[in-house]
Amino acid sequence: MNRNVKDLGTLGGIDSSAFGINASGQVVGESETKRSDARHAVMWTNGKIKDLGTLGGANSTASSINASGAVVGDADTNSGTIVAFLYWKRRMIDLNALLPPGSGWALMGARSINDNGWITGYGYINGKQHAFLLRP
């Protein structure tokens, strides 16, 4: 048995994936749910898995976590669109809600968050995909 590899488990589905880790050892990623028809963003802390939920749709994925435990990723909405999210203080927030009205941006996926809370990812502006840096 290899003691250097640990099975983090799932939300009851068949598989899971890990994408980010912070210095405290908290890991984020996604897991199939018990029904196996959806994947939810998850956080593993001290061997326990936590479902971070969605923004009304079936799926979400967590990409990164900072030292404060803030998590970013992407999630389906109930209208079927995919948006970038921030999970903070037990709440998943559509990052587009933090933008000023008329910004022209549609933030689709958040990929990283640093310890200052700055978020990088990708979205669309004027119909073209571009990288973004958001400093909320």
N, C-alpha and C. Protein backbone atom coordinates (compact mmCIF):
# COMPACT_ATOMS: atom_id res chain seq x y z
N MET A 1 0.84 -1.18 0.00
CA MET A 1 0.00 0.00 0.00
C MET A 1 0.89 1.25 0.00
N ASN A 2 0.56 2.19 -0.84
CA ASN A 2 1.31 3.44 -0.94
C ASN A 2 0.73 4.45 0.04
N ARG A 3 1.50 4.82 1.05
CA ARG A 3 1.01 5.76 2.06
C ARG A 3 1.08 7.21 1.61
N ASN A 4 1.63 7.46 0.44
CA ASN A 4 1.74 8.82 -0.08
C ASN A 4 0.52 9.26 -0.87
N VAL A 5 -0.39 8.34 -1.15
CA VAL A 5 -1.59 8.66 -1.92
C VAL A 5 -2.81 8.37 -1.04
N LYS A 6 -3.73 9.35 -0.99
CA LYS A 6 -4.93 9.19 -0.16
C LYS A 6 -6.17 9.33 -1.04
N ASP A 7 -7.09 8.39 -0.91
CA ASP A 7 -8.38 8.47 -1.58
C ASP A 7 -9.23 9.50 -0.83
N LEU A 8 -9.62 10.57 -1.52
CA LEU A 8 -10.40 11.62 -0.88
C LEU A 8 -11.89 11.32 -0.83
N GLY A 9 -12.33 10.34 -1.61
CA GLY A 9 -13.73 9.96 -1.59
C GLY A 9 -14.60 10.77 -2.53
N THR A 10 -15.90 10.47 -2.51
CA THR A 10 -16.87 11.11 -3.39
C THR A 10 -18.11 11.51 -2.59
N LEU A 11 -19.04 12.13 -3.28
CA LEU A 11 -20.35 12.46 -2.69
C LEU A 11 -21.33 11.30 -2.84
N GLY A 12 -20.80 10.11 -3.08
CA GLY A 12 -21.65 8.93 -3.23
C GLY A 12 -21.68 8.42 -4.65
N GLY A 13 -21.16 9.20 -5.58
CA GLY A 13 -21.09 8.77 -6.97
C GLY A 13 -19.85 7.94 -7.23
N ILE A 14 -19.59 7.67 -8.50
CA ILE A 14 -18.49 6.80 -8.87
C ILE A 14 -17.14 7.49 -8.79
N ASP A 15 -17.05 8.77 -9.21
CA ASP A 15 -15.72 9.38 -9.28
C ASP A 15 -15.69 10.80 -8.76
N SER A 16 -14.46 11.27 -8.58
CA SER A 16 -14.20 12.64 -8.15
C SER A 16 -12.85 13.06 -8.70
N SER A 17 -12.62 14.38 -8.73
CA SER A 17 -11.35 14.94 -9.19
C SER A 17 -10.96 16.09 -8.29
N ALA A 18 -9.66 16.23 -8.03
CA ALA A 18 -9.13 17.33 -7.22
C ALA A 18 -8.34 18.26 -8.13
N PHE A 19 -8.51 19.59 -7.94
CA PHE A 19 -7.87 20.57 -8.81
C PHE A 19 -7.04 21.61 -8.08
N GLY A 20 -7.27 21.83 -6.79
CA GLY A 20 -6.54 22.86 -6.08
C GLY A 20 -6.33 22.50 -4.62
N ILE A 21 -5.25 23.06 -4.02
CA ILE A 21 -4.95 22.82 -2.62
C ILE A 21 -4.32 24.08 -2.04
N ASN A 22 -4.62 24.36 -0.77
CA ASN A 22 -3.97 25.50 -0.11
C ASN A 22 -2.94 24.99 0.90
N ALA A 23 -2.24 25.89 1.55
CA ALA A 23 -1.17 25.52 2.47
C ALA A 23 -1.69 24.78 3.70
N SER A 24 -2.99 24.92 4.01
CA SER A 24 -3.58 24.21 5.15
C SER A 24 -3.99 22.78 4.81
N GLY A 25 -3.86 22.42 3.54
CA GLY A 25 -4.23 21.08 3.11
C GLY A 25 -5.66 20.93 2.67
N GLN A 26 -6.41 22.02 2.60
CA GLN A 26 -7.77 21.94 2.07
C GLN A 26 -7.68 21.75 0.56
N VAL A 27 -8.45 20.82 0.04
CA VAL A 27 -8.43 20.46 -1.37
C VAL A 27 -9.79 20.75 -1.98
N VAL A 28 -9.81 21.24 -3.22
CA VAL A 28 -11.07 21.49 -3.92
C VAL A 28 -11.07 20.78 -5.26
N GLY A 29 -12.28 20.51 -5.74
CA GLY A 29 -12.46 19.85 -7.02
C GLY A 29 -13.93 19.62 -7.30
N GLU A 30 -14.23 18.41 -7.77
CA GLU A 30 -15.61 18.05 -8.09
C GLU A 30 -15.84 16.58 -7.79
N SER A 31 -17.10 16.24 -7.55
CA SER A 31 -17.46 14.86 -7.30
C SER A 31 -18.82 14.56 -7.91
N GLU A 32 -18.95 13.35 -8.40
CA GLU A 32 -20.26 12.88 -8.83
C GLU A 32 -21.15 12.75 -7.59
N THR A 33 -22.42 13.08 -7.77
CA THR A 33 -23.37 12.94 -6.66
C THR A 33 -23.87 11.50 -6.60
N LYS A 34 -24.65 11.19 -5.59
CA LYS A 34 -25.20 9.84 -5.42
C LYS A 34 -25.99 9.39 -6.64
N ARG A 35 -26.70 10.34 -7.26
CA ARG A 35 -27.52 9.98 -8.43
C ARG A 35 -26.67 9.78 -9.68
N SER A 36 -25.42 10.18 -9.64
CA SER A 36 -24.47 10.05 -10.75
C SER A 36 -24.89 10.77 -12.02
N ASP A 37 -25.82 11.70 -11.91
CA ASP A 37 -26.19 12.48 -13.09
C ASP A 37 -25.76 13.94 -12.95
N ALA A 38 -25.02 14.22 -11.90
CA ALA A 38 -24.55 15.59 -11.65
C ALA A 38 -23.19 15.54 -10.97
N ARG A 39 -22.43 16.61 -11.19
CA ARG A 39 -21.14 16.79 -10.53
C ARG A 39 -21.20 18.10 -9.76
N HIS A 40 -20.77 18.06 -8.52
CA HIS A 40 -20.80 19.25 -7.67
C HIS A 40 -19.39 19.63 -7.24
N ALA A 41 -19.18 20.94 -7.10
CA ALA A 41 -17.94 21.45 -6.52
C ALA A 41 -17.87 20.95 -5.08
N VAL A 42 -16.67 20.54 -4.67
CA VAL A 42 -16.48 20.02 -3.32
C VAL A 42 -15.20 20.58 -2.71
N MET A 43 -15.16 20.50 -1.38
CA MET A 43 -13.96 20.83 -0.62
C MET A 43 -13.71 19.69 0.37
N TRP A 44 -12.48 19.21 0.40
CA TRP A 44 -12.09 18.22 1.37
C TRP A 44 -11.25 18.90 2.44
N THR A 45 -11.65 18.76 3.71
CA THR A 45 -10.92 19.33 4.84
C THR A 45 -10.78 18.25 5.90
N ASN A 46 -9.55 17.97 6.28
CA ASN A 46 -9.28 16.94 7.30
C ASN A 46 -9.99 15.63 7.01
N GLY A 47 -9.98 15.22 5.75
CA GLY A 47 -10.56 13.94 5.35
C GLY A 47 -12.06 13.93 5.17
N LYS A 48 -12.71 15.08 5.35
CA LYS A 48 -14.17 15.15 5.19
C LYS A 48 -14.50 15.94 3.93
N ILE A 49 -15.50 15.45 3.19
CA ILE A 49 -15.92 16.10 1.95
C ILE A 49 -17.14 16.98 2.22
N LYS A 50 -17.13 18.17 1.59
CA LYS A 50 -18.25 19.10 1.72
C LYS A 50 -18.75 19.46 0.33
N ASP A 51 -20.04 19.31 0.11
CA ASP A 51 -20.68 19.70 -1.15
C ASP A 51 -20.86 21.22 -1.14
N LEU A 52 -20.27 21.92 -2.10
CA LEU A 52 -20.39 23.37 -2.17
C LEU A 52 -21.63 23.82 -2.93
N GLY A 53 -22.34 22.88 -3.55
CA GLY A 53 -23.60 23.18 -4.23
C GLY A 53 -23.41 23.67 -5.65
N THR A 54 -24.45 24.33 -6.15
CA THR A 54 -24.45 24.87 -7.51
C THR A 54 -25.14 26.24 -7.47
N LEU A 55 -25.30 26.83 -8.63
CA LEU A 55 -26.05 28.08 -8.75
C LEU A 55 -27.40 27.82 -9.42
N GLY A 56 -28.00 26.68 -9.11
CA GLY A 56 -29.32 26.34 -9.61
C GLY A 56 -29.32 25.28 -10.68
N GLY A 57 -28.21 25.08 -11.35
CA GLY A 57 -28.09 24.04 -12.37
C GLY A 57 -27.64 22.74 -11.75
N ALA A 58 -27.28 21.77 -12.60
CA ALA A 58 -26.90 20.45 -12.11
C ALA A 58 -25.44 20.34 -11.71
N ASN A 59 -24.56 21.15 -12.32
CA ASN A 59 -23.13 20.91 -12.17
C ASN A 59 -22.36 22.13 -11.70
N SER A 60 -21.25 21.87 -11.02
CA SER A 60 -20.29 22.91 -10.63
C SER A 60 -18.94 22.24 -10.43
N THR A 61 -17.88 23.03 -10.55
CA THR A 61 -16.51 22.55 -10.37
C THR A 61 -15.71 23.61 -9.64
N ALA A 62 -15.01 23.22 -8.59
CA ALA A 62 -14.12 24.13 -7.88
C ALA A 62 -12.71 23.96 -8.43
N SER A 63 -12.06 25.08 -8.74
CA SER A 63 -10.73 25.05 -9.36
C SER A 63 -9.60 25.42 -8.43
N SER A 64 -9.85 26.32 -7.48
CA SER A 64 -8.76 26.84 -6.66
C SER A 64 -9.29 27.28 -5.29
N ILE A 65 -8.39 27.27 -4.29
CA ILE A 65 -8.72 27.71 -2.94
C ILE A 65 -7.54 28.49 -2.39
N ASN A 66 -7.82 29.58 -1.70
CA ASN A 66 -6.72 30.36 -1.12
C ASN A 66 -6.57 30.05 0.38
N ALA A 67 -5.64 30.74 1.02
CA ALA A 67 -5.34 30.48 2.44
C ALA A 67 -6.52 30.77 3.35
N SER A 68 -7.42 31.68 2.95
CA SER A 68 -8.59 32.03 3.75
C SER A 68 -9.75 31.07 3.56
N GLY A 69 -9.61 30.12 2.62
CA GLY A 69 -10.68 29.18 2.33
C GLY A 69 -11.66 29.66 1.29
N ALA A 70 -11.36 30.76 0.60
CA ALA A 70 -12.21 31.22 -0.51
C ALA A 70 -11.96 30.32 -1.71
N VAL A 71 -13.03 29.90 -2.36
CA VAL A 71 -12.96 28.94 -3.46
C VAL A 71 -13.54 29.58 -4.72
N VAL A 72 -12.93 29.29 -5.88
CA VAL A 72 -13.47 29.75 -7.16
C VAL A 72 -13.61 28.57 -8.11
N GLY A 73 -14.47 28.77 -9.11
CA GLY A 73 -14.69 27.74 -10.11
C GLY A 73 -15.75 28.18 -11.08
N ASP A 74 -16.51 27.19 -11.61
CA ASP A 74 -17.61 27.50 -12.52
C ASP A 74 -18.81 26.62 -12.18
N ALA A 75 -20.00 27.14 -12.50
CA ALA A 75 -21.23 26.44 -12.16
C ALA A 75 -22.31 26.71 -13.19
N ASP A 76 -23.18 25.71 -13.37
CA ASP A 76 -24.37 25.89 -14.20
C ASP A 76 -25.39 26.71 -13.42
N THR A 77 -26.14 27.52 -14.14
CA THR A 77 -27.27 28.22 -13.54
C THR A 77 -28.54 27.50 -13.94
N ASN A 78 -29.66 27.88 -13.33
CA ASN A 78 -30.93 27.24 -13.70
C ASN A 78 -31.37 27.62 -15.10
N SER A 79 -30.77 28.66 -15.70
CA SER A 79 -31.10 29.01 -17.08
C SER A 79 -30.22 28.26 -18.09
N GLY A 80 -29.27 27.45 -17.57
CA GLY A 80 -28.44 26.64 -18.45
C GLY A 80 -27.11 27.26 -18.84
N THR A 81 -26.83 28.48 -18.40
CA THR A 81 -25.55 29.09 -18.70
C THR A 81 -24.51 28.66 -17.67
N ILE A 82 -23.25 28.77 -18.03
CA ILE A 82 -22.15 28.47 -17.13
C ILE A 82 -21.52 29.80 -16.72
N VAL A 83 -21.31 29.97 -15.42
CA VAL A 83 -20.75 31.22 -14.91
C VAL A 83 -19.63 30.93 -13.92
N ALA A 84 -18.74 31.92 -13.76
CA ALA A 84 -17.69 31.85 -12.76
C ALA A 84 -18.30 32.11 -11.39
N PHE A 85 -17.78 31.40 -10.36
CA PHE A 85 -18.30 31.62 -9.01
C PHE A 85 -17.18 31.83 -8.01
N LEU A 86 -17.57 32.45 -6.89
CA LEU A 86 -16.76 32.55 -5.69
C LEU A 86 -17.58 31.92 -4.57
N TYR A 87 -16.97 30.99 -3.83
CA TYR A 87 -17.61 30.39 -2.67
C TYR A 87 -16.92 30.96 -1.44
N TRP A 88 -17.68 31.69 -0.63
CA TRP A 88 -17.11 32.36 0.53
C TRP A 88 -18.17 32.44 1.62
N LYS A 89 -17.79 32.12 2.84
CA LYS A 89 -18.69 32.16 3.98
C LYS A 89 -19.96 31.35 3.74
N ARG A 90 -19.77 30.12 3.27
CA ARG A 90 -20.85 29.14 3.04
C ARG A 90 -21.84 29.56 1.96
N ARG A 91 -21.40 30.40 1.03
CA ARG A 91 -22.32 30.90 0.00
C ARG A 91 -21.61 30.94 -1.35
N MET A 92 -22.26 30.40 -2.38
CA MET A 92 -21.74 30.46 -3.74
C MET A 92 -22.33 31.69 -4.43
N ILE A 93 -21.44 32.52 -4.98
CA ILE A 93 -21.84 33.78 -5.60
C ILE A 93 -21.42 33.79 -7.07
N ASP A 94 -22.33 34.16 -7.94
CA ASP A 94 -22.01 34.37 -9.35
C ASP A 94 -21.11 35.60 -9.42
N LEU A 95 -19.89 35.44 -9.94
CA LEU A 95 -18.96 36.57 -10.00
C LEU A 95 -19.47 37.70 -10.88
N ASN A 96 -20.36 37.40 -11.81
CA ASN A 96 -20.92 38.45 -12.66
C ASN A 96 -21.73 39.46 -11.85
N ALA A 97 -22.25 39.02 -10.69
CA ALA A 97 -23.01 39.92 -9.83
C ALA A 97 -22.10 40.97 -9.18
N LEU A 98 -20.78 40.76 -9.19
CA LEU A 98 -19.85 41.71 -8.60
C LEU A 98 -19.37 42.77 -9.59
N LEU A 99 -19.74 42.59 -10.85
CA LEU A 99 -19.31 43.52 -11.89
C LEU A 99 -20.24 44.73 -11.95
N PRO A 100 -19.71 45.89 -12.34
CA PRO A 100 -20.59 47.05 -12.49
C PRO A 100 -21.55 46.84 -13.67
N PRO A 101 -22.77 47.36 -13.58
CA PRO A 101 -23.71 47.24 -14.69
C PRO A 101 -23.12 47.80 -15.98
N GLY A 102 -23.36 47.10 -17.07
CA GLY A 102 -22.89 47.56 -18.37
C GLY A 102 -21.41 47.31 -18.62
N SER A 103 -20.77 46.44 -17.83
CA SER A 103 -19.33 46.18 -18.01
C SER A 103 -19.05 45.51 -19.35
N GLY A 104 -20.03 44.79 -19.89
CA GLY A 104 -19.83 44.06 -21.13
C GLY A 104 -19.26 42.67 -20.94
N TRP A 105 -18.85 42.34 -19.73
CA TRP A 105 -18.27 41.04 -19.44
C TRP A 105 -19.32 39.98 -19.12
N ALA A 106 -19.05 38.75 -19.49
CA ALA A 106 -19.77 37.56 -19.04
C ALA A 106 -18.69 36.60 -18.55
N LEU A 107 -18.48 36.53 -17.24
CA LEU A 107 -17.43 35.69 -16.67
C LEU A 107 -17.91 34.24 -16.63
N MET A 108 -17.17 33.37 -17.30
CA MET A 108 -17.59 31.98 -17.49
C MET A 108 -16.90 30.99 -16.55
N GLY A 109 -15.63 31.22 -16.26
CA GLY A 109 -14.90 30.28 -15.41
C GLY A 109 -13.81 30.97 -14.63
N ALA A 110 -13.79 30.75 -13.33
CA ALA A 110 -12.70 31.26 -12.48
C ALA A 110 -11.74 30.11 -12.26
N ARG A 111 -10.47 30.35 -12.48
CA ARG A 111 -9.49 29.27 -12.41
C ARG A 111 -8.54 29.35 -11.23
N SER A 112 -8.31 30.56 -10.69
CA SER A 112 -7.37 30.67 -9.58
C SER A 112 -7.74 31.87 -8.70
N ILE A 113 -7.43 31.74 -7.40
CA ILE A 113 -7.61 32.85 -6.46
C ILE A 113 -6.37 32.89 -5.58
N ASN A 114 -5.79 34.09 -5.41
CA ASN A 114 -4.60 34.19 -4.56
C ASN A 114 -5.00 34.64 -3.15
N ASP A 115 -4.02 34.76 -2.29
CA ASP A 115 -4.31 35.09 -0.90
C ASP A 115 -4.76 36.53 -0.70
N ASN A 116 -4.65 37.37 -1.73
CA ASN A 116 -5.21 38.73 -1.70
C ASN A 116 -6.67 38.74 -2.15
N GLY A 117 -7.17 37.59 -2.62
CA GLY A 117 -8.54 37.50 -3.11
C GLY A 117 -8.67 37.84 -4.58
N TRP A 118 -7.56 38.04 -5.28
CA TRP A 118 -7.61 38.32 -6.71
C TRP A 118 -7.92 37.04 -7.47
N ILE A 119 -8.78 37.15 -8.46
CA ILE A 119 -9.29 35.98 -9.17
C ILE A 119 -8.94 36.09 -10.65
N THR A 120 -8.45 34.99 -11.22
CA THR A 120 -8.22 34.93 -12.67
C THR A 120 -9.14 33.89 -13.28
N GLY A 121 -9.38 34.05 -14.57
CA GLY A 121 -10.22 33.10 -15.27
C GLY A 121 -10.44 33.55 -16.70
N TYR A 122 -11.58 33.14 -17.24
CA TYR A 122 -11.90 33.52 -18.61
C TYR A 122 -13.37 33.89 -18.70
N GLY A 123 -13.66 34.70 -19.69
CA GLY A 123 -15.03 35.13 -19.94
C GLY A 123 -15.11 35.72 -21.32
N TYR A 124 -16.24 36.33 -21.58
CA TYR A 124 -16.47 36.94 -22.89
C TYR A 124 -16.71 38.44 -22.72
N ILE A 125 -16.10 39.21 -23.60
CA ILE A 125 -16.35 40.64 -23.68
C ILE A 125 -16.46 40.97 -25.16
N ASN A 126 -17.55 41.65 -25.50
CA ASN A 126 -17.83 41.98 -26.90
C ASN A 126 -17.81 40.74 -27.79
N GLY A 127 -18.32 39.62 -27.25
CA GLY A 127 -18.45 38.39 -28.03
C GLY A 127 -17.17 37.59 -28.21
N LYS A 128 -16.08 38.02 -27.59
CA LYS A 128 -14.81 37.32 -27.74
C LYS A 128 -14.29 36.86 -26.39
N GLN A 129 -13.72 35.64 -26.38
CA GLN A 129 -13.19 35.10 -25.13
C GLN A 129 -11.87 35.78 -24.79
N HIS A 130 -11.78 36.19 -23.52
CA HIS A 130 -10.57 36.83 -23.00
C HIS A 130 -10.31 36.36 -21.57
N ALA A 131 -9.05 36.41 -21.17
CA ALA A 131 -8.67 36.16 -19.79
C ALA A 131 -9.07 37.38 -18.95
N PHE A 132 -9.36 37.14 -17.67
CA PHE A 132 -9.66 38.27 -16.79
C PHE A 132 -8.88 38.17 -15.49
N LEU A 133 -8.67 39.32 -14.88
CA LEU A 133 -8.16 39.46 -13.52
C LEU A 133 -9.20 40.30 -12.78
N LEU A 134 -9.80 39.75 -11.76
CA LEU A 134 -10.82 40.45 -10.98
C LEU A 134 -10.27 40.66 -9.57
N ARG A 135 -10.34 41.91 -9.12
CA ARG A 135 -9.90 42.23 -7.76
C ARG A 135 -11.11 42.76 -6.99
N PRO A 136 -11.92 41.82 -6.45
CA PRO A 136 -13.14 42.27 -5.77
C PRO A 136 -12.86 43.06 -4.50
